[in-house]
């Protein structure tokens, strides 16, 4: 992943960021985000959070109709917050443990639970709403958009981490745990003393 990112993905993401104006990149991110919001709404309902599910549904409706297919994030401007959820978080709410930490080729860090949920999370994305011959282009644009958003975090990890793998693993696991419990995770049990 590091070699592929350094040789191809990061340079293309940097060029994507330099070539496209902020307003275009924001519009692209908004369209992808609008489709993800529809999936988030369903996951809110599956997690037993009907009010959040209704809010996310209203967000999708508002951005689709008033925001011209999601190009403009009108919902945020009128106070309908994004509460992103995915199938991995839903499974976590249902009691499925995260399992071991894995680093997947191209998709990067995951827990086993999130890796198992990834095919369905990907299936409901924007790229599967278009014809097959257009799908690859959309996947490439989505990858460049997401990677360009992470350029700053990537540099920060390079600067701060003595051991980048451990830094990324710990940050990922802490973030996912926080997301599963909506920002209020229970305390983890203390490790037993050895000896």
C-alpha atoms as a PDB file:
ATOM      1  CA  UNK A   1       0.000   0.000   0.000  1.00  0.00           C
ATOM      2  CA  UNK A   2       2.762   2.454   0.908  1.00  0.00           C
ATOM      3  CA  UNK A   3       4.630   1.777  -2.344  1.00  0.00           C
ATOM      4  CA  UNK A   4       1.490   2.075  -4.501  1.00  0.00           C
ATOM      5  CA  UNK A   5       0.443   5.215  -2.662  1.00  0.00           C
ATOM      6  CA  UNK A   6       3.839   6.862  -2.959  1.00  0.00           C
ATOM      7  CA  UNK A   7       4.331   5.959  -6.613  1.00  0.00           C
ATOM      8  CA  UNK A   8       0.827   6.531  -8.005  1.00  0.00           C
ATOM      9  CA  UNK A   9      -2.057   7.441  -5.699  1.00  0.00           C
ATOM     10  CA  UNK A  10      -0.553  10.340  -3.714  1.00  0.00           C
ATOM     11  CA  UNK A  11       0.964  12.106  -6.764  1.00  0.00           C
ATOM     12  CA  UNK A  12      -2.316  11.799  -8.681  1.00  0.00           C
ATOM     13  CA  UNK A  13      -4.278  13.041  -5.643  1.00  0.00           C
ATOM     14  CA  UNK A  14      -1.908  16.006  -5.321  1.00  0.00           C
ATOM     15  CA  UNK A  15      -2.374  16.812  -9.025  1.00  0.00           C
ATOM     16  CA  UNK A  16      -6.154  16.425  -8.617  1.00  0.00           C
ATOM     17  CA  UNK A  17      -6.026  18.928  -5.772  1.00  0.00           C
ATOM     18  CA  UNK A  18      -3.885  21.401  -7.746  1.00  0.00           C
ATOM     19  CA  UNK A  19      -5.851  21.192 -11.013  1.00  0.00           C
ATOM     20  CA  UNK A  20      -9.434  21.306  -9.732  1.00  0.00           C
ATOM     21  CA  UNK A  21     -10.650  24.440  -7.961  1.00  0.00           C
ATOM     22  CA  UNK A  22     -11.949  24.098  -4.378  1.00  0.00           C
ATOM     23  CA  UNK A  23     -15.541  24.671  -5.473  1.00  0.00           C
ATOM     24  CA  UNK A  24     -15.399  21.753  -7.930  1.00  0.00           C
ATOM     25  CA  UNK A  25     -13.768  19.402  -5.407  1.00  0.00           C
ATOM     26  CA  UNK A  26     -16.381  20.426  -2.826  1.00  0.00           C
ATOM     27  CA  UNK A  27     -19.191  19.697  -5.282  1.00  0.00           C
ATOM     28  CA  UNK A  28     -17.715  16.286  -6.098  1.00  0.00           C
ATOM     29  CA  UNK A  29     -17.343  15.465  -2.389  1.00  0.00           C
ATOM     30  CA  UNK A  30     -20.932  16.622  -1.778  1.00  0.00           C
ATOM     31  CA  UNK A  31     -22.357  14.328  -4.475  1.00  0.00           C
ATOM     32  CA  UNK A  32     -20.508  11.291  -3.109  1.00  0.00           C
ATOM     33  CA  UNK A  33     -21.475  12.347   0.428  1.00  0.00           C
ATOM     34  CA  UNK A  34     -25.146  12.604  -0.526  1.00  0.00           C
ATOM     35  CA  UNK A  35     -25.206   8.979  -1.707  1.00  0.00           C
ATOM     36  CA  UNK A  36     -23.356   7.920   1.456  1.00  0.00           C
ATOM     37  CA  UNK A  37     -25.936   9.839   3.502  1.00  0.00           C
ATOM     38  CA  UNK A  38     -28.726   7.649   2.063  1.00  0.00           C
ATOM     39  CA  UNK A  39     -26.821   4.550   3.246  1.00  0.00           C
ATOM     40  CA  UNK A  40     -26.228   6.262   6.597  1.00  0.00           C
ATOM     41  CA  UNK A  41     -29.981   6.859   6.969  1.00  0.00           C
ATOM     42  CA  UNK A  42     -30.681   3.153   6.494  1.00  0.00           C
ATOM     43  CA  UNK A  43     -27.936   2.236   8.972  1.00  0.00           C
ATOM     44  CA  UNK A  44     -29.411   4.700  11.511  1.00  0.00           C
ATOM     45  CA  UNK A  45     -32.735   2.861  11.273  1.00  0.00           C
ATOM     46  CA  UNK A  46     -30.993  -0.536  11.523  1.00  0.00           C
ATOM     47  CA  UNK A  47     -29.253   0.668  14.699  1.00  0.00           C
ATOM     48  CA  UNK A  48     -32.585   1.557  16.301  1.00  0.00           C
ATOM     49  CA  UNK A  49     -32.113   5.324  15.970  1.00  0.00           C
ATOM     50  CA  UNK A  50     -35.263   6.353  14.087  1.00  0.00           C
ATOM     51  CA  UNK A  51     -34.952  10.101  14.728  1.00  0.00           C
ATOM     52  CA  UNK A  52     -31.406  10.161  13.362  1.00  0.00           C
ATOM     53  CA  UNK A  53     -32.613   8.055  10.420  1.00  0.00           C
ATOM     54  CA  UNK A  54     -35.377  10.568   9.688  1.00  0.00           C
ATOM     55  CA  UNK A  55     -32.886  13.454   9.956  1.00  0.00           C
ATOM     56  CA  UNK A  56     -30.508  11.755   7.519  1.00  0.00           C
ATOM     57  CA  UNK A  57     -33.397  10.988   5.159  1.00  0.00           C
ATOM     58  CA  UNK A  58     -34.393  14.664   5.242  1.00  0.00           C
ATOM     59  CA  UNK A  59     -30.776  15.586   4.587  1.00  0.00           C
ATOM     60  CA  UNK A  60     -30.681  13.378   1.475  1.00  0.00           C
ATOM     61  CA  UNK A  61     -34.037  14.677   0.252  1.00  0.00           C
ATOM     62  CA  UNK A  62     -33.014  18.316   0.775  1.00  0.00           C
ATOM     63  CA  UNK A  63     -29.619  17.968  -0.882  1.00  0.00           C
ATOM     64  CA  UNK A  64     -30.993  15.903  -3.764  1.00  0.00           C
ATOM     65  CA  UNK A  65     -33.859  18.280  -4.574  1.00  0.00           C
ATOM     66  CA  UNK A  66     -32.646  21.722  -3.480  1.00  0.00           C
ATOM     67  CA  UNK A  67     -28.909  20.975  -3.718  1.00  0.00           C
ATOM     68  CA  UNK A  68     -29.137  19.833  -7.349  1.00  0.00           C
ATOM     69  CA  UNK A  69     -28.426  16.152  -6.852  1.00  0.00           C
ATOM     70  CA  UNK A  70     -26.201  16.808  -3.881  1.00  0.00           C
ATOM     71  CA  UNK A  71     -23.748  19.182  -5.569  1.00  0.00           C
ATOM     72  CA  UNK A  72     -24.615  21.775  -2.922  1.00  0.00           C
ATOM     73  CA  UNK A  73     -24.879  20.861   0.755  1.00  0.00           C
ATOM     74  CA  UNK A  74     -28.003  22.882   1.505  1.00  0.00           C
ATOM     75  CA  UNK A  75     -28.937  20.610   4.416  1.00  0.00           C
ATOM     76  CA  UNK A  76     -25.870  21.622   6.444  1.00  0.00           C
ATOM     77  CA  UNK A  77     -26.645  25.279   5.813  1.00  0.00           C
ATOM     78  CA  UNK A  78     -30.137  24.861   7.287  1.00  0.00           C
ATOM     79  CA  UNK A  79     -28.881  22.862  10.271  1.00  0.00           C
ATOM     80  CA  UNK A  80     -29.417  19.215   9.278  1.00  0.00           C
ATOM     81  CA  UNK A  81     -26.143  17.662  10.418  1.00  0.00           C
ATOM     82  CA  UNK A  82     -24.421  14.730   8.757  1.00  0.00           C
ATOM     83  CA  UNK A  83     -24.362  11.684  11.026  1.00  0.00           C
ATOM     84  CA  UNK A  84     -22.481   9.158   8.952  1.00  0.00           C
ATOM     85  CA  UNK A  85     -22.978   5.476   9.679  1.00  0.00           C
ATOM     86  CA  UNK A  86     -21.854   2.369   7.827  1.00  0.00           C
ATOM     87  CA  UNK A  87     -22.531  -1.340   8.084  1.00  0.00           C
ATOM     88  CA  UNK A  88     -19.431  -1.915  10.239  1.00  0.00           C
ATOM     89  CA  UNK A  89     -20.808   0.535  12.814  1.00  0.00           C
ATOM     90  CA  UNK A  90     -24.222  -1.120  12.610  1.00  0.00           C
ATOM     91  CA  UNK A  91     -22.715  -4.551  13.218  1.00  0.00           C
ATOM     92  CA  UNK A  92     -20.767  -3.064  16.142  1.00  0.00           C
ATOM     93  CA  UNK A  93     -24.018  -1.718  17.624  1.00  0.00           C
ATOM     94  CA  UNK A  94     -25.514  -5.194  17.273  1.00  0.00           C
ATOM     95  CA  UNK A  95     -22.692  -6.562  19.418  1.00  0.00           C
ATOM     96  CA  UNK A  96     -20.281  -7.894  16.804  1.00  0.00           C
ATOM     97  CA  UNK A  97     -16.759  -7.326  18.089  1.00  0.00           C
ATOM     98  CA  UNK A  98     -14.222  -5.587  15.883  1.00  0.00           C
ATOM     99  CA  UNK A  99     -11.982  -8.623  15.486  1.00  0.00           C
ATOM    100  CA  UNK A 100      -8.345  -8.297  14.493  1.00  0.00           C
ATOM    101  CA  UNK A 101      -6.906  -5.247  12.788  1.00  0.00           C
ATOM    102  CA  UNK A 102      -6.073  -5.790   9.126  1.00  0.00           C
ATOM    103  CA  UNK A 103      -4.588  -3.615   6.399  1.00  0.00           C
ATOM    104  CA  UNK A 104      -6.309  -4.357   3.107  1.00  0.00           C
ATOM    105  CA  UNK A 105      -4.640  -3.714  -0.234  1.00  0.00           C
ATOM    106  CA  UNK A 106      -5.895  -0.377  -1.631  1.00  0.00           C
ATOM    107  CA  UNK A 107      -8.649  -0.019   1.015  1.00  0.00           C
ATOM    108  CA  UNK A 108      -6.186   0.391   3.884  1.00  0.00           C
ATOM    109  CA  UNK A 109      -6.810  -0.141   7.602  1.00  0.00           C
ATOM    110  CA  UNK A 110      -9.876  -2.015   8.797  1.00  0.00           C
ATOM    111  CA  UNK A 111     -11.048  -4.271  11.547  1.00  0.00           C
ATOM    112  CA  UNK A 112     -12.218  -7.706  10.452  1.00  0.00           C
ATOM    113  CA  UNK A 113     -15.813  -6.583  11.121  1.00  0.00           C
ATOM    114  CA  UNK A 114     -15.370  -3.519   8.891  1.00  0.00           C
ATOM    115  CA  UNK A 115     -13.632  -5.598   6.208  1.00  0.00           C
ATOM    116  CA  UNK A 116     -16.588  -8.007   6.107  1.00  0.00           C
ATOM    117  CA  UNK A 117     -19.007  -5.062   5.849  1.00  0.00           C
ATOM    118  CA  UNK A 118     -16.978  -3.298   3.135  1.00  0.00           C
ATOM    119  CA  UNK A 119     -18.432  -5.115   0.082  1.00  0.00           C
ATOM    120  CA  UNK A 120     -21.968  -4.030   0.952  1.00  0.00           C
ATOM    121  CA  UNK A 121     -20.829  -0.519   1.921  1.00  0.00           C
ATOM    122  CA  UNK A 122     -19.105  -0.266  -1.491  1.00  0.00           C
ATOM    123  CA  UNK A 123     -22.041  -1.822  -3.343  1.00  0.00           C
ATOM    124  CA  UNK A 124     -24.423   0.960  -2.309  1.00  0.00           C
ATOM    125  CA  UNK A 125     -22.035   3.686  -3.476  1.00  0.00           C
ATOM    126  CA  UNK A 126     -22.542   6.083  -6.361  1.00  0.00           C
ATOM    127  CA  UNK A 127     -20.416   4.000  -8.735  1.00  0.00           C
ATOM    128  CA  UNK A 128     -23.000   1.199  -8.698  1.00  0.00           C
ATOM    129  CA  UNK A 129     -25.795   3.564  -9.719  1.00  0.00           C
ATOM    130  CA  UNK A 130     -24.329   4.055 -13.209  1.00  0.00           C
ATOM    131  CA  UNK A 131     -23.636   1.794 -16.196  1.00  0.00           C
ATOM    132  CA  UNK A 132     -20.657  -0.527 -15.954  1.00  0.00           C
ATOM    133  CA  UNK A 133     -18.497   1.338 -18.492  1.00  0.00           C
ATOM    134  CA  UNK A 134     -18.834   4.566 -16.455  1.00  0.00           C
ATOM    135  CA  UNK A 135     -18.224   2.863 -13.133  1.00  0.00           C
ATOM    136  CA  UNK A 136     -14.429   2.747 -13.313  1.00  0.00           C
ATOM    137  CA  UNK A 137     -14.165   6.472 -13.936  1.00  0.00           C
ATOM    138  CA  UNK A 138     -16.413   7.223 -10.968  1.00  0.00           C
ATOM    139  CA  UNK A 139     -14.426   4.887  -8.725  1.00  0.00           C
ATOM    140  CA  UNK A 140     -11.213   6.649  -9.789  1.00  0.00           C
ATOM    141  CA  UNK A 141     -12.704  10.085  -9.081  1.00  0.00           C
ATOM    142  CA  UNK A 142     -13.985   8.904  -5.695  1.00  0.00           C
ATOM    143  CA  UNK A 143     -10.575   7.481  -4.802  1.00  0.00           C
ATOM    144  CA  UNK A 144      -8.804  10.709  -5.812  1.00  0.00           C
ATOM    145  CA  UNK A 145     -11.332  12.812  -3.896  1.00  0.00           C
ATOM    146  CA  UNK A 146     -10.958  10.796  -0.703  1.00  0.00           C
ATOM    147  CA  UNK A 147      -7.170  10.563  -1.019  1.00  0.00           C
ATOM    148  CA  UNK A 148      -6.852  14.309  -1.625  1.00  0.00           C
ATOM    149  CA  UNK A 149      -8.830  14.931   1.581  1.00  0.00           C
ATOM    150  CA  UNK A 150      -6.294  12.840   3.508  1.00  0.00           C
ATOM    151  CA  UNK A 151      -3.133  14.531   2.224  1.00  0.00           C
ATOM    152  CA  UNK A 152      -2.781  16.685   5.354  1.00  0.00           C
ATOM    153  CA  UNK A 153      -3.415  13.787   7.736  1.00  0.00           C
ATOM    154  CA  UNK A 154      -0.879  11.690   5.870  1.00  0.00           C
ATOM    155  CA  UNK A 155       1.811  14.348   6.281  1.00  0.00           C
ATOM    156  CA  UNK A 156       0.934  14.715   9.961  1.00  0.00           C
ATOM    157  CA  UNK A 157       1.310  10.963  10.523  1.00  0.00           C
ATOM    158  CA  UNK A 158       4.680  11.024   8.765  1.00  0.00           C
ATOM    159  CA  UNK A 159       5.878  13.897  10.982  1.00  0.00           C
ATOM    160  CA  UNK A 160       4.539  12.727  14.341  1.00  0.00           C
ATOM    161  CA  UNK A 161       4.853   8.980  14.319  1.00  0.00           C
ATOM    162  CA  UNK A 162       7.988   7.131  15.270  1.00  0.00           C
ATOM    163  CA  UNK A 163       6.215   3.949  14.194  1.00  0.00           C
ATOM    164  CA  UNK A 164       3.694   4.908  11.500  1.00  0.00           C
ATOM    165  CA  UNK A 165       1.993   1.477  11.466  1.00  0.00           C
ATOM    166  CA  UNK A 166       1.283   1.580  15.214  1.00  0.00           C
ATOM    167  CA  UNK A 167       0.195   5.212  15.037  1.00  0.00           C
ATOM    168  CA  UNK A 168      -2.286   4.540  12.203  1.00  0.00           C
ATOM    169  CA  UNK A 169      -3.547   1.313  13.822  1.00  0.00           C
ATOM    170  CA  UNK A 170      -4.181   2.905  17.205  1.00  0.00           C
ATOM    171  CA  UNK A 171      -5.793   6.005  15.689  1.00  0.00           C
ATOM    172  CA  UNK A 172      -8.016   3.902  13.431  1.00  0.00           C
ATOM    173  CA  UNK A 173      -9.151   1.564  16.218  1.00  0.00           C
ATOM    174  CA  UNK A 174      -9.867   4.459  18.602  1.00  0.00           C
ATOM    175  CA  UNK A 175     -11.826   6.355  15.935  1.00  0.00           C
ATOM    176  CA  UNK A 176     -13.922   3.321  14.928  1.00  0.00           C
ATOM    177  CA  UNK A 177     -14.698   2.489  18.573  1.00  0.00           C
ATOM    178  CA  UNK A 178     -15.778   6.089  19.112  1.00  0.00           C
ATOM    179  CA  UNK A 179     -17.988   5.977  16.003  1.00  0.00           C
ATOM    180  CA  UNK A 180     -19.690   2.714  16.991  1.00  0.00           C
ATOM    181  CA  UNK A 181     -20.704   4.245  20.333  1.00  0.00           C
ATOM    182  CA  UNK A 182     -21.613   7.678  18.894  1.00  0.00           C
ATOM    183  CA  UNK A 183     -18.814   9.426  20.752  1.00  0.00           C
ATOM    184  CA  UNK A 184     -19.508   7.807  24.113  1.00  0.00           C
ATOM    185  CA  UNK A 185     -17.689   4.439  24.239  1.00  0.00           C
ATOM    186  CA  UNK A 186     -17.778   2.426  27.451  1.00  0.00           C
ATOM    187  CA  UNK A 187     -14.558   2.155  29.391  1.00  0.00           C
ATOM    188  CA  UNK A 188     -12.365  -0.683  28.234  1.00  0.00           C
ATOM    189  CA  UNK A 189     -11.616  -3.340  30.828  1.00  0.00           C
ATOM    190  CA  UNK A 190      -8.178  -3.058  32.363  1.00  0.00           C
ATOM    191  CA  UNK A 191      -5.613  -5.629  31.308  1.00  0.00           C
ATOM    192  CA  UNK A 192      -4.831  -8.104  34.093  1.00  0.00           C
ATOM    193  CA  UNK A 193      -1.495  -7.646  35.867  1.00  0.00           C
ATOM    194  CA  UNK A 194       1.129 -10.137  34.818  1.00  0.00           C
ATOM    195  CA  UNK A 195       3.153 -11.796  37.472  1.00  0.00           C
END
